[in-house]
Amino acid sequence: MYPLHLFGDVSIAIFSDGFIYLVPCPNTLMKTEKVVALFRLSTWISMGFVFIFVSVLFWILSHYPTRRNDYTGFNLLSQCFSAAWAVLLGVSVPQMPLSLGTRNLFIIYVWYCFAISTVFQAYFTTYLVEPGYEARLETLDDVKRAGLTFGFYDILRDVEGIAALDELNTFESKTCLDFVECVRNVMFKKDSFTAAFRYLPFYVASMSGVYDHSKVVCFLDKAILTLPVGMVFPIGSPLLNIYNVHVRRCLEGGLLQVYMSQLEHVVNLKSNKTVEDNEFVVFSLTHLSPVFMLLFIGCILSVILFVCELIAVTSKIKNQD
């Protein structure tokens, strides 16, 4: 740190500002990825195992000698899979089983599917509306794994003398025209990170029309250094004590907070554009796009299966003739 006491007497600090790394904020997760990650892989595998096991068990029970007069919808293995899939989706089967053993297995499977579907639907709707965010960058190692470049601007050349920036030698750097450009690249393009005083990115965010600063302004956990901001007077100046008294009274009266709030209000009024705030999300058809996509894929597969069955039946009839 510069030996300021050799040049003059330093007043009390008006405020303290931290010099810290500014990094991109986490992106919103894809809705489809969040839905797939709703259950763990072991849960999905167990659900598939239960589905296959129950279908095969339905088919075995329907072929017992004592159950020949049972529901004929379980005579074929494909019919058993269709019935088990219908129950899993919450669709009723054409007819209930008749025998006691098949009924007991059926009701147990219905309870299982009801529990699974209740949990799935509760989280499914939540994740469609607000799927969450990616992991936050906390250390320089996280930044390196993300492959970000360091945004360099002219002021950093002066700060290098009092801040240890040697750890940035392993990062690829690019030069920005000014500080504002570097900060905007970090906040909106999210292709780089930079070092800045803590208050300045909030000023740039307000100047860009951002109301929720937490969505675009994110820092690493560890600050590079903390600097108290004050005034330097000539050594032995009689104005130092008078200045300190007035500054202390202004700080105790909250004038600094009033000035900062007024400055933020003026900057918000002068901002030439507005970044939309998605704090309140309305559930609409756009959130159901993954569901309609699955429905569309299912319809295509159904048409293909129908055509294959039609060709197979036609070939079988021709062979019989």
C-alpha atoms as a PDB file:
ATOM      1  CA  MET A   1       0.000   0.000   0.000  1.00  0.00           C
ATOM      2  CA  TYR A   2       1.193   3.500  -0.745  1.00  0.00           C
ATOM      3  CA  PRO A   3       2.764   5.313   2.293  1.00  0.00           C
ATOM      4  CA  LEU A   4       0.297   8.204   2.276  1.00  0.00           C
ATOM      5  CA  HIS A   5       1.514   9.444   5.669  1.00  0.00           C
ATOM      6  CA  LEU A   6       4.709  10.625   3.972  1.00  0.00           C
ATOM      7  CA  PHE A   7       2.736  13.021   1.770  1.00  0.00           C
ATOM      8  CA  GLY A   8       0.181  14.343   4.251  1.00  0.00           C
ATOM      9  CA  ASP A   9      -2.312  13.644   7.022  1.00  0.00           C
ATOM     10  CA  VAL A  10      -5.249  11.395   6.109  1.00  0.00           C
ATOM     11  CA  SER A  11      -8.732  12.194   7.336  1.00  0.00           C
ATOM     12  CA  ILE A  12     -11.242   9.695   8.670  1.00  0.00           C
ATOM     13  CA  ALA A  13     -12.704   7.367   6.064  1.00  0.00           C
ATOM     14  CA  ILE A  14     -15.851   8.557   4.356  1.00  0.00           C
ATOM     15  CA  PHE A  15     -16.625   4.972   3.361  1.00  0.00           C
ATOM     16  CA  SER A  16     -14.752   1.743   2.709  1.00  0.00           C
ATOM     17  CA  ASP A  17     -14.867  -0.006  -0.640  1.00  0.00           C
ATOM     18  CA  GLY A  18     -13.594  -3.478  -1.463  1.00  0.00           C
ATOM     19  CA  PHE A  19     -11.594  -4.288  -4.578  1.00  0.00           C
ATOM     20  CA  ILE A  20     -12.984  -7.640  -5.659  1.00  0.00           C
ATOM     21  CA  TYR A  21     -13.387  -9.936  -8.650  1.00  0.00           C
ATOM     22  CA  LEU A  22     -16.611  -9.426 -10.614  1.00  0.00           C
ATOM     23  CA  VAL A  23     -17.824 -12.670 -12.228  1.00  0.00           C
ATOM     24  CA  PRO A  24     -20.880 -13.615 -14.325  1.00  0.00           C
ATOM     25  CA  CYS A  25     -23.980 -14.556 -12.384  1.00  0.00           C
ATOM     26  CA  PRO A  26     -25.366 -18.102 -12.753  1.00  0.00           C
ATOM     27  CA  ASN A  27     -27.558 -18.804 -15.760  1.00  0.00           C
ATOM     28  CA  THR A  28     -31.042 -20.250 -15.504  1.00  0.00           C
ATOM     29  CA  LEU A  29     -31.105 -24.023 -15.828  1.00  0.00           C
ATOM     30  CA  MET A  30     -32.844 -25.617 -18.793  1.00  0.00           C
ATOM     31  CA  LYS A  31     -36.347 -26.783 -17.897  1.00  0.00           C
ATOM     32  CA  THR A  32     -35.855 -30.192 -19.493  1.00  0.00           C
ATOM     33  CA  GLU A  33     -32.614 -30.766 -17.590  1.00  0.00           C
ATOM     34  CA  LYS A  34     -34.281 -29.903 -14.293  1.00  0.00           C
ATOM     35  CA  VAL A  35     -37.236 -32.206 -14.979  1.00  0.00           C
ATOM     36  CA  VAL A  36     -34.933 -35.101 -15.847  1.00  0.00           C
ATOM     37  CA  ALA A  37     -32.944 -34.421 -12.672  1.00  0.00           C
ATOM     38  CA  LEU A  38     -36.135 -34.419 -10.591  1.00  0.00           C
ATOM     39  CA  PHE A  39     -35.356 -37.958  -9.414  1.00  0.00           C
ATOM     40  CA  ARG A  40     -31.985 -39.563  -9.018  1.00  0.00           C
ATOM     41  CA  LEU A  41     -30.811 -42.135 -11.536  1.00  0.00           C
ATOM     42  CA  SER A  42     -31.407 -44.919  -9.023  1.00  0.00           C
ATOM     43  CA  THR A  43     -35.032 -43.790  -8.627  1.00  0.00           C
ATOM     44  CA  TRP A  44     -35.648 -43.792 -12.386  1.00  0.00           C
ATOM     45  CA  ILE A  45     -34.095 -47.273 -12.653  1.00  0.00           C
ATOM     46  CA  SER A  46     -36.217 -48.589  -9.778  1.00  0.00           C
ATOM     47  CA  MET A  47     -39.368 -47.151 -11.391  1.00  0.00           C
ATOM     48  CA  GLY A  48     -38.519 -48.905 -14.650  1.00  0.00           C
ATOM     49  CA  PHE A  49     -37.829 -52.144 -12.787  1.00  0.00           C
ATOM     50  CA  VAL A  50     -41.169 -51.936 -10.946  1.00  0.00           C
ATOM     51  CA  PHE A  51     -42.980 -51.241 -14.220  1.00  0.00           C
ATOM     52  CA  ILE A  52     -41.441 -54.280 -15.955  1.00  0.00           C
ATOM     53  CA  PHE A  53     -41.821 -56.525 -12.890  1.00  0.00           C
ATOM     54  CA  VAL A  54     -45.514 -55.689 -12.397  1.00  0.00           C
ATOM     55  CA  SER A  55     -46.275 -56.148 -16.111  1.00  0.00           C
ATOM     56  CA  VAL A  56     -44.629 -59.578 -16.184  1.00  0.00           C
ATOM     57  CA  LEU A  57     -46.331 -60.534 -12.921  1.00  0.00           C
ATOM     58  CA  PHE A  58     -49.735 -59.585 -14.365  1.00  0.00           C
ATOM     59  CA  TRP A  59     -49.045 -61.833 -17.344  1.00  0.00           C
ATOM     60  CA  ILE A  60     -47.913 -64.746 -15.124  1.00  0.00           C
ATOM     61  CA  LEU A  61     -50.945 -64.479 -12.835  1.00  0.00           C
ATOM     62  CA  SER A  62     -53.327 -64.429 -15.796  1.00  0.00           C
ATOM     63  CA  HIS A  63     -51.941 -67.805 -16.994  1.00  0.00           C
ATOM     64  CA  TYR A  64     -52.427 -69.661 -13.722  1.00  0.00           C
ATOM     65  CA  PRO A  65     -54.820 -72.637 -14.188  1.00  0.00           C
ATOM     66  CA  THR A  66     -57.074 -71.311 -11.409  1.00  0.00           C
ATOM     67  CA  ARG A  67     -57.385 -67.916 -13.137  1.00  0.00           C
ATOM     68  CA  ARG A  68     -58.477 -68.898 -16.635  1.00  0.00           C
ATOM     69  CA  ASN A  69     -61.707 -66.904 -16.249  1.00  0.00           C
ATOM     70  CA  ASP A  70     -59.878 -63.727 -15.185  1.00  0.00           C
ATOM     71  CA  TYR A  71     -59.831 -60.493 -17.168  1.00  0.00           C
ATOM     72  CA  THR A  72     -58.696 -61.286 -20.716  1.00  0.00           C
ATOM     73  CA  GLY A  73     -56.839 -57.988 -21.050  1.00  0.00           C
ATOM     74  CA  PHE A  74     -53.836 -59.569 -19.324  1.00  0.00           C
ATOM     75  CA  ASN A  75     -53.536 -62.598 -21.605  1.00  0.00           C
ATOM     76  CA  LEU A  76     -50.863 -61.004 -23.800  1.00  0.00           C
ATOM     77  CA  LEU A  77     -47.627 -59.551 -22.428  1.00  0.00           C
ATOM     78  CA  SER A  78     -48.071 -56.411 -24.537  1.00  0.00           C
ATOM     79  CA  GLN A  79     -51.504 -55.876 -22.962  1.00  0.00           C
ATOM     80  CA  CYS A  80     -49.950 -56.136 -19.498  1.00  0.00           C
ATOM     81  CA  PHE A  81     -47.334 -53.508 -20.371  1.00  0.00           C
ATOM     82  CA  SER A  82     -50.058 -51.248 -21.782  1.00  0.00           C
ATOM     83  CA  ALA A  83     -52.196 -51.561 -18.645  1.00  0.00           C
ATOM     84  CA  ALA A  84     -49.237 -50.939 -16.317  1.00  0.00           C
ATOM     85  CA  TRP A  85     -48.220 -47.886 -18.352  1.00  0.00           C
ATOM     86  CA  ALA A  86     -51.790 -46.555 -18.274  1.00  0.00           C
ATOM     87  CA  VAL A  87     -51.899 -46.805 -14.479  1.00  0.00           C
ATOM     88  CA  LEU A  88     -48.505 -45.097 -14.183  1.00  0.00           C
ATOM     89  CA  LEU A  89     -49.829 -42.164 -16.254  1.00  0.00           C
ATOM     90  CA  GLY A  90     -53.044 -41.986 -14.238  1.00  0.00           C
ATOM     91  CA  VAL A  91     -55.288 -43.407 -16.974  1.00  0.00           C
ATOM     92  CA  SER A  92     -57.938 -45.964 -16.026  1.00  0.00           C
ATOM     93  CA  VAL A  93     -57.821 -49.481 -17.484  1.00  0.00           C
ATOM     94  CA  PRO A  94     -60.825 -50.838 -19.461  1.00  0.00           C
ATOM     95  CA  GLN A  95     -61.768 -53.396 -16.799  1.00  0.00           C
ATOM     96  CA  MET A  96     -60.704 -54.361 -13.290  1.00  0.00           C
ATOM     97  CA  PRO A  97     -59.111 -57.789 -12.696  1.00  0.00           C
ATOM     98  CA  LEU A  98     -61.454 -60.462 -11.331  1.00  0.00           C
ATOM     99  CA  SER A  99     -59.263 -62.759  -9.226  1.00  0.00           C
ATOM    100  CA  LEU A 100     -58.195 -61.823  -5.694  1.00  0.00           C
ATOM    101  CA  GLY A 101     -54.443 -62.117  -6.299  1.00  0.00           C
ATOM    102  CA  THR A 102     -54.496 -59.944  -9.402  1.00  0.00           C
ATOM    103  CA  ARG A 103     -56.704 -57.390  -7.643  1.00  0.00           C
ATOM    104  CA  ASN A 104     -54.289 -57.164  -4.692  1.00  0.00           C
ATOM    105  CA  LEU A 105     -51.323 -56.664  -7.011  1.00  0.00           C
ATOM    106  CA  PHE A 106     -53.273 -54.091  -9.007  1.00  0.00           C
ATOM    107  CA  ILE A 107     -54.271 -51.975  -5.987  1.00  0.00           C
ATOM    108  CA  ILE A 108     -50.709 -52.030  -4.596  1.00  0.00           C
ATOM    109  CA  TYR A 109     -49.390 -50.853  -7.955  1.00  0.00           C
ATOM    110  CA  VAL A 110     -52.066 -48.122  -8.101  1.00  0.00           C
ATOM    111  CA  TRP A 111     -50.967 -46.820  -4.684  1.00  0.00           C
ATOM    112  CA  TYR A 112     -47.336 -46.849  -5.776  1.00  0.00           C
ATOM    113  CA  CYS A 113     -48.101 -44.927  -8.984  1.00  0.00           C
ATOM    114  CA  PHE A 114     -50.248 -42.434  -7.079  1.00  0.00           C
ATOM    115  CA  ALA A 115     -47.403 -41.640  -4.667  1.00  0.00           C
ATOM    116  CA  ILE A 116     -44.837 -41.297  -7.459  1.00  0.00           C
ATOM    117  CA  SER A 117     -47.088 -39.143  -9.663  1.00  0.00           C
ATOM    118  CA  THR A 118     -48.036 -36.853  -6.758  1.00  0.00           C
ATOM    119  CA  VAL A 119     -44.403 -36.094  -5.958  1.00  0.00           C
ATOM    120  CA  PHE A 120     -43.521 -35.744  -9.642  1.00  0.00           C
ATOM    121  CA  GLN A 121     -46.378 -33.374 -10.475  1.00  0.00           C
ATOM    122  CA  ALA A 122     -45.696 -31.167  -7.445  1.00  0.00           C
ATOM    123  CA  TYR A 123     -42.050 -30.591  -8.358  1.00  0.00           C
ATOM    124  CA  PHE A 124     -42.709 -30.727 -12.098  1.00  0.00           C
ATOM    125  CA  THR A 125     -44.918 -27.623 -12.069  1.00  0.00           C
ATOM    126  CA  THR A 126     -42.469 -25.778  -9.819  1.00  0.00           C
ATOM    127  CA  TYR A 127     -39.473 -26.513 -12.022  1.00  0.00           C
ATOM    128  CA  LEU A 128     -41.332 -25.586 -15.200  1.00  0.00           C
ATOM    129  CA  VAL A 129     -42.009 -22.114 -13.811  1.00  0.00           C
ATOM    130  CA  GLU A 130     -38.707 -21.572 -11.965  1.00  0.00           C
ATOM    131  CA  PRO A 131     -36.133 -24.243 -12.824  1.00  0.00           C
ATOM    132  CA  GLY A 132     -33.395 -22.669 -10.688  1.00  0.00           C
ATOM    133  CA  TYR A 133     -29.868 -21.562 -11.448  1.00  0.00           C
ATOM    134  CA  GLU A 134     -26.475 -23.057 -12.137  1.00  0.00           C
ATOM    135  CA  ALA A 135     -23.795 -23.287  -9.463  1.00  0.00           C
ATOM    136  CA  ARG A 136     -22.330 -19.923  -8.447  1.00  0.00           C
ATOM    137  CA  LEU A 137     -18.665 -19.127  -9.108  1.00  0.00           C
ATOM    138  CA  GLU A 138     -16.977 -18.838  -5.705  1.00  0.00           C
ATOM    139  CA  THR A 139     -13.203 -19.099  -6.273  1.00  0.00           C
ATOM    140  CA  LEU A 140     -10.678 -18.449  -9.026  1.00  0.00           C
ATOM    141  CA  ASP A 141     -10.482 -22.205  -9.569  1.00  0.00           C
ATOM    142  CA  ASP A 142     -14.186 -22.169 -10.474  1.00  0.00           C
ATOM    143  CA  VAL A 143     -13.514 -19.292 -12.869  1.00  0.00           C
ATOM    144  CA  LYS A 144     -10.667 -21.210 -14.497  1.00  0.00           C
ATOM    145  CA  ARG A 145     -12.845 -24.292 -14.948  1.00  0.00           C
ATOM    146  CA  ALA A 146     -15.509 -22.082 -16.560  1.00  0.00           C
ATOM    147  CA  GLY A 147     -12.955 -20.960 -19.173  1.00  0.00           C
ATOM    148  CA  LEU A 148     -13.491 -17.212 -18.676  1.00  0.00           C
ATOM    149  CA  THR A 149     -11.037 -14.562 -19.856  1.00  0.00           C
ATOM    150  CA  PHE A 150      -9.921 -11.630 -17.719  1.00  0.00           C
ATOM    151  CA  GLY A 151     -11.130  -8.186 -18.796  1.00  0.00           C
ATOM    152  CA  PHE A 152      -8.280  -5.676 -18.415  1.00  0.00           C
ATOM    153  CA  TYR A 153      -8.699  -1.877 -18.417  1.00  0.00           C
ATOM    154  CA  ASP A 154      -6.351   1.059 -17.829  1.00  0.00           C
ATOM    155  CA  ILE A 155      -7.109   1.661 -14.136  1.00  0.00           C
ATOM    156  CA  LEU A 156      -5.876  -1.826 -13.267  1.00  0.00           C
ATOM    157  CA  ARG A 157      -2.333  -0.764 -14.165  1.00  0.00           C
ATOM    158  CA  ASP A 158      -2.429   1.687 -11.233  1.00  0.00           C
ATOM    159  CA  VAL A 159      -4.039  -0.842  -8.900  1.00  0.00           C
ATOM    160  CA  GLU A 160      -1.422  -3.519  -9.602  1.00  0.00           C
ATOM    161  CA  GLY A 161       0.963  -1.690  -7.285  1.00  0.00           C
ATOM    162  CA  ILE A 162      -1.250  -2.158  -4.218  1.00  0.00           C
ATOM    163  CA  ALA A 163      -3.195  -5.311  -5.156  1.00  0.00           C
ATOM    164  CA  ALA A 164      -1.679  -8.746  -5.644  1.00  0.00           C
ATOM    165  CA  LEU A 165      -2.862  -9.659  -9.138  1.00  0.00           C
ATOM    166  CA  ASP A 166      -0.107 -12.174  -9.875  1.00  0.00           C
ATOM    167  CA  GLU A 167      -2.631 -14.999  -9.670  1.00  0.00           C
ATOM    168  CA  LEU A 168      -4.131 -13.763 -12.951  1.00  0.00           C
ATOM    169  CA  ASN A 169      -1.051 -14.703 -14.960  1.00  0.00           C
ATOM    170  CA  THR A 170      -2.565 -18.101 -15.749  1.00  0.00           C
ATOM    171  CA  PHE A 171      -5.688 -16.535 -17.299  1.00  0.00           C
ATOM    172  CA  GLU A 172      -6.110 -15.339 -20.848  1.00  0.00           C
ATOM    173  CA  SER A 173      -6.789 -11.594 -20.870  1.00  0.00           C
ATOM    174  CA  LYS A 174      -8.432  -9.130 -23.226  1.00  0.00           C
ATOM    175  CA  THR A 175      -8.296  -5.338 -23.140  1.00  0.00           C
ATOM    176  CA  CYS A 176     -11.495  -3.301 -22.846  1.00  0.00           C
ATOM    177  CA  LEU A 177     -11.952   0.283 -23.964  1.00  0.00           C
ATOM    178  CA  ASP A 178     -12.948   1.360 -20.468  1.00  0.00           C
ATOM    179  CA  PHE A 179     -14.218   0.072 -17.158  1.00  0.00           C
ATOM    180  CA  VAL A 180     -17.888   0.245 -18.161  1.00  0.00           C
ATOM    181  CA  GLU A 181     -17.345  -1.983 -21.192  1.00  0.00           C
ATOM    182  CA  CYS A 182     -15.567  -4.610 -19.073  1.00  0.00           C
ATOM    183  CA  VAL A 183     -18.343  -4.644 -16.495  1.00  0.00           C
ATOM    184  CA  ARG A 184     -21.091  -4.881 -19.117  1.00  0.00           C
ATOM    185  CA  ASN A 185     -19.313  -7.796 -20.802  1.00  0.00           C
ATOM    186  CA  VAL A 186     -19.228  -9.611 -17.474  1.00  0.00           C
ATOM    187  CA  MET A 187     -22.846  -8.872 -16.564  1.00  0.00           C
ATOM    188  CA  PHE A 188     -24.578  -9.376 -19.913  1.00  0.00           C
ATOM    189  CA  LYS A 189     -22.296 -11.294 -22.298  1.00  0.00           C
ATOM    190  CA  LYS A 190     -20.930 -13.463 -19.453  1.00  0.00           C
ATOM    191  CA  ASP A 191     -17.788 -14.336 -21.394  1.00  0.00           C
ATOM    192  CA  SER A 192     -15.213 -12.817 -19.022  1.00  0.00           C
ATOM    193  CA  PHE A 193     -14.514 -11.631 -15.480  1.00  0.00           C
ATOM    194  CA  THR A 194     -12.730  -8.562 -14.152  1.00  0.00           C
ATOM    195  CA  ALA A 195     -11.629  -6.811 -10.954  1.00  0.00           C
ATOM    196  CA  ALA A 196     -13.439  -3.721  -9.730  1.00  0.00           C
ATOM    197  CA  PHE A 197     -14.445  -1.760  -6.684  1.00  0.00           C
ATOM    198  CA  ARG A 198     -17.632  -3.127  -5.168  1.00  0.00           C
ATOM    199  CA  TYR A 199     -19.831  -0.053  -5.659  1.00  0.00           C
ATOM    200  CA  LEU A 200     -19.036   0.584  -9.323  1.00  0.00           C
ATOM    201  CA  PRO A 201     -20.753  -2.503 -10.864  1.00  0.00           C
ATOM    202  CA  PHE A 202     -23.994  -1.559  -9.087  1.00  0.00           C
ATOM    203  CA  TYR A 203     -23.723   1.905 -10.639  1.00  0.00           C
ATOM    204  CA  VAL A 204     -23.242   0.406 -14.116  1.00  0.00           C
ATOM    205  CA  ALA A 205     -26.183  -1.965 -13.536  1.00  0.00           C
ATOM    206  CA  SER A 206     -28.451   0.933 -12.574  1.00  0.00           C
ATOM    207  CA  MET A 207     -27.199   2.939 -15.549  1.00  0.00           C
ATOM    208  CA  SER A 208     -28.119  -0.019 -17.799  1.00  0.00           C
ATOM    209  CA  GLY A 209     -31.672  -0.132 -16.452  1.00  0.00           C
ATOM    210  CA  VAL A 210     -31.345  -3.205 -14.215  1.00  0.00           C
ATOM    211  CA  TYR A 211     -33.657  -3.115 -11.203  1.00  0.00           C
ATOM    212  CA  ASP A 212     -32.673  -6.400  -9.563  1.00  0.00           C
ATOM    213  CA  HIS A 213     -28.900  -6.089  -9.203  1.00  0.00           C
ATOM    214  CA  SER A 214     -28.541  -9.576  -7.720  1.00  0.00           C
ATOM    215  CA  LYS A 215     -29.316 -11.085 -11.145  1.00  0.00           C
ATOM    216  CA  VAL A 216     -26.321  -9.449 -12.878  1.00  0.00           C
ATOM    217  CA  VAL A 217     -23.828  -8.395 -10.168  1.00  0.00           C
ATOM    218  CA  CYS A 218     -21.951 -11.304  -8.587  1.00  0.00           C
ATOM    219  CA  PHE A 219     -18.575 -11.394  -6.852  1.00  0.00           C
ATOM    220  CA  LEU A 220     -16.154 -14.030  -5.684  1.00  0.00           C
ATOM    221  CA  ASP A 221     -16.215 -14.764  -1.965  1.00  0.00           C
ATOM    222  CA  LYS A 222     -12.737 -13.423  -1.219  1.00  0.00           C
ATOM    223  CA  ALA A 223     -11.947  -9.729  -1.737  1.00  0.00           C
ATOM    224  CA  ILE A 224      -8.560  -8.703  -3.120  1.00  0.00           C
ATOM    225  CA  LEU A 225      -8.245  -5.798  -0.682  1.00  0.00           C
ATOM    226  CA  THR A 226     -10.379  -3.262   1.175  1.00  0.00           C
ATOM    227  CA  LEU A 227      -9.627   0.433   0.810  1.00  0.00           C
ATOM    228  CA  PRO A 228     -10.924   3.206   3.089  1.00  0.00           C
ATOM    229  CA  VAL A 229     -11.677   6.358   1.105  1.00  0.00           C
ATOM    230  CA  GLY A 230     -10.704   9.664   2.688  1.00  0.00           C
ATOM    231  CA  MET A 231      -9.018  13.010   2.063  1.00  0.00           C
ATOM    232  CA  VAL A 232      -5.302  13.856   2.330  1.00  0.00           C
ATOM    233  CA  PHE A 233      -4.332  17.214   3.901  1.00  0.00           C
ATOM    234  CA  PRO A 234      -0.897  18.813   4.125  1.00  0.00           C
ATOM    235  CA  ILE A 235       1.050  17.716   7.163  1.00  0.00           C
ATOM    236  CA  GLY A 236       0.055  19.821  10.164  1.00  0.00           C
ATOM    237  CA  SER A 237      -2.952  21.403   8.436  1.00  0.00           C
ATOM    238  CA  PRO A 238      -5.401  22.979  10.930  1.00  0.00           C
ATOM    239  CA  LEU A 239      -8.305  22.083   8.646  1.00  0.00           C
ATOM    240  CA  LEU A 240      -7.939  18.347   9.321  1.00  0.00           C
ATOM    241  CA  ASN A 241      -9.748  18.316  12.683  1.00  0.00           C
ATOM    242  CA  ILE A 242     -12.489  20.631  11.424  1.00  0.00           C
ATOM    243  CA  TYR A 243     -13.003  18.421   8.374  1.00  0.00           C
ATOM    244  CA  ASN A 244     -13.107  15.268  10.503  1.00  0.00           C
ATOM    245  CA  VAL A 245     -15.750  16.743  12.812  1.00  0.00           C
ATOM    246  CA  HIS A 246     -18.047  17.739   9.958  1.00  0.00           C
ATOM    247  CA  VAL A 247     -17.589  14.455   8.086  1.00  0.00           C
ATOM    248  CA  ARG A 248     -18.294  12.438  11.240  1.00  0.00           C
ATOM    249  CA  ARG A 249     -21.500  14.397  11.868  1.00  0.00           C
ATOM    250  CA  CYS A 250     -22.623  13.872   8.268  1.00  0.00           C
ATOM    251  CA  LEU A 251     -21.995  10.144   8.522  1.00  0.00           C
ATOM    252  CA  GLU A 252     -23.814   9.863  11.842  1.00  0.00           C
ATOM    253  CA  GLY A 253     -26.761  11.785  10.397  1.00  0.00           C
ATOM    254  CA  GLY A 254     -27.072   9.410   7.442  1.00  0.00           C
ATOM    255  CA  LEU A 255     -26.329  11.989   4.749  1.00  0.00           C
ATOM    256  CA  LEU A 256     -24.115   9.528   2.884  1.00  0.00           C
ATOM    257  CA  GLN A 257     -26.977   7.029   2.573  1.00  0.00           C
ATOM    258  CA  VAL A 258     -29.299   9.813   1.408  1.00  0.00           C
ATOM    259  CA  TYR A 259     -26.805  10.887  -1.242  1.00  0.00           C
ATOM    260  CA  MET A 260     -26.308   7.295  -2.449  1.00  0.00           C
ATOM    261  CA  SER A 261     -30.061   6.690  -2.714  1.00  0.00           C
ATOM    262  CA  GLN A 262     -30.561   9.952  -4.614  1.00  0.00           C
ATOM    263  CA  LEU A 263     -27.696   9.074  -6.944  1.00  0.00           C
ATOM    264  CA  GLU A 264     -29.213   5.665  -7.635  1.00  0.00           C
ATOM    265  CA  HIS A 265     -32.613   7.255  -8.291  1.00  0.00           C
ATOM    266  CA  VAL A 266     -31.135   9.756 -10.760  1.00  0.00           C
ATOM    267  CA  VAL A 267     -29.188   7.029 -12.559  1.00  0.00           C
ATOM    268  CA  ASN A 268     -32.331   4.888 -12.872  1.00  0.00           C
ATOM    269  CA  LEU A 269     -34.198   7.816 -14.404  1.00  0.00           C
ATOM    270  CA  LYS A 270     -31.387   8.486 -16.879  1.00  0.00           C
ATOM    271  CA  SER A 271     -30.991   4.856 -17.946  1.00  0.00           C
ATOM    272  CA  ASN A 272     -31.699   4.538 -21.660  1.00  0.00           C
ATOM    273  CA  LYS A 273     -33.099   1.008 -21.514  1.00  0.00           C
ATOM    274  CA  THR A 274     -34.735  -1.360 -19.108  1.00  0.00           C
ATOM    275  CA  VAL A 275     -33.733  -4.939 -18.402  1.00  0.00           C
ATOM    276  CA  GLU A 276     -36.821  -7.024 -17.664  1.00  0.00           C
ATOM    277  CA  ASP A 277     -37.176  -8.318 -14.133  1.00  0.00           C
ATOM    278  CA  ASN A 278     -38.449 -11.896 -14.028  1.00  0.00           C
ATOM    279  CA  GLU A 279     -39.096 -12.007 -10.298  1.00  0.00           C
ATOM    280  CA  PHE A 280     -42.779 -12.794 -10.870  1.00  0.00           C
ATOM    281  CA  VAL A 281     -43.254 -15.585 -13.398  1.00  0.00           C
ATOM    282  CA  VAL A 282     -46.690 -16.314 -14.840  1.00  0.00           C
ATOM    283  CA  PHE A 283     -47.365 -19.959 -15.664  1.00  0.00           C
ATOM    284  CA  SER A 284     -48.221 -20.010 -19.369  1.00  0.00           C
ATOM    285  CA  LEU A 285     -48.147 -22.270 -22.417  1.00  0.00           C
ATOM    286  CA  THR A 286     -44.456 -21.552 -22.936  1.00  0.00           C
ATOM    287  CA  HIS A 287     -43.689 -23.444 -19.741  1.00  0.00           C
ATOM    288  CA  LEU A 288     -45.570 -26.463 -21.122  1.00  0.00           C
ATOM    289  CA  SER A 289     -43.477 -26.628 -24.294  1.00  0.00           C
ATOM    290  CA  PRO A 290     -41.491 -29.679 -23.052  1.00  0.00           C
ATOM    291  CA  VAL A 291     -44.765 -31.497 -22.349  1.00  0.00           C
ATOM    292  CA  PHE A 292     -46.158 -30.738 -25.792  1.00  0.00           C
ATOM    293  CA  MET A 293     -42.853 -31.803 -27.322  1.00  0.00           C
ATOM    294  CA  LEU A 294     -43.119 -35.173 -25.570  1.00  0.00           C
ATOM    295  CA  LEU A 295     -46.732 -35.436 -26.732  1.00  0.00           C
ATOM    296  CA  PHE A 296     -45.676 -34.704 -30.313  1.00  0.00           C
ATOM    297  CA  ILE A 297     -42.937 -37.346 -30.166  1.00  0.00           C
ATOM    298  CA  GLY A 298     -45.424 -39.832 -28.709  1.00  0.00           C
ATOM    299  CA  CYS A 299     -47.882 -39.157 -31.539  1.00  0.00           C
ATOM    300  CA  ILE A 300     -45.160 -39.757 -34.131  1.00  0.00           C
ATOM    301  CA  LEU A 301     -44.166 -43.032 -32.485  1.00  0.00           C
ATOM    302  CA  SER A 302     -47.835 -44.066 -32.314  1.00  0.00           C
ATOM    303  CA  VAL A 303     -48.307 -43.402 -36.031  1.00  0.00           C
ATOM    304  CA  ILE A 304     -45.164 -45.390 -36.863  1.00  0.00           C
ATOM    305  CA  LEU A 305     -46.322 -48.280 -34.672  1.00  0.00           C
ATOM    306  CA  PHE A 306     -49.794 -48.193 -36.252  1.00  0.00           C
ATOM    307  CA  VAL A 307     -48.325 -48.332 -39.762  1.00  0.00           C
ATOM    308  CA  CYS A 308     -46.070 -51.247 -38.783  1.00  0.00           C
ATOM    309  CA  GLU A 309     -49.019 -53.164 -37.287  1.00  0.00           C
ATOM    310  CA  LEU A 310     -51.123 -52.437 -40.370  1.00  0.00           C
ATOM    311  CA  ILE A 311     -48.387 -53.754 -42.658  1.00  0.00           C
ATOM    312  CA  ALA A 312     -47.907 -56.849 -40.482  1.00  0.00           C
ATOM    313  CA  VAL A 313     -51.636 -57.656 -40.408  1.00  0.00           C
ATOM    314  CA  THR A 314     -51.977 -57.105 -44.168  1.00  0.00           C
ATOM    315  CA  SER A 315     -49.040 -59.414 -44.855  1.00  0.00           C
ATOM    316  CA  LYS A 316     -50.494 -62.049 -42.541  1.00  0.00           C
ATOM    317  CA  ILE A 317     -53.884 -61.945 -44.299  1.00  0.00           C
ATOM    318  CA  LYS A 318     -52.249 -62.264 -47.727  1.00  0.00           C
ATOM    319  CA  ASN A 319     -50.208 -65.250 -46.581  1.00  0.00           C
ATOM    320  CA  GLN A 320     -53.340 -66.980 -45.265  1.00  0.00           C
ATOM    321  CA  ASP A 321     -55.108 -66.454 -48.606  1.00  0.00           C
END
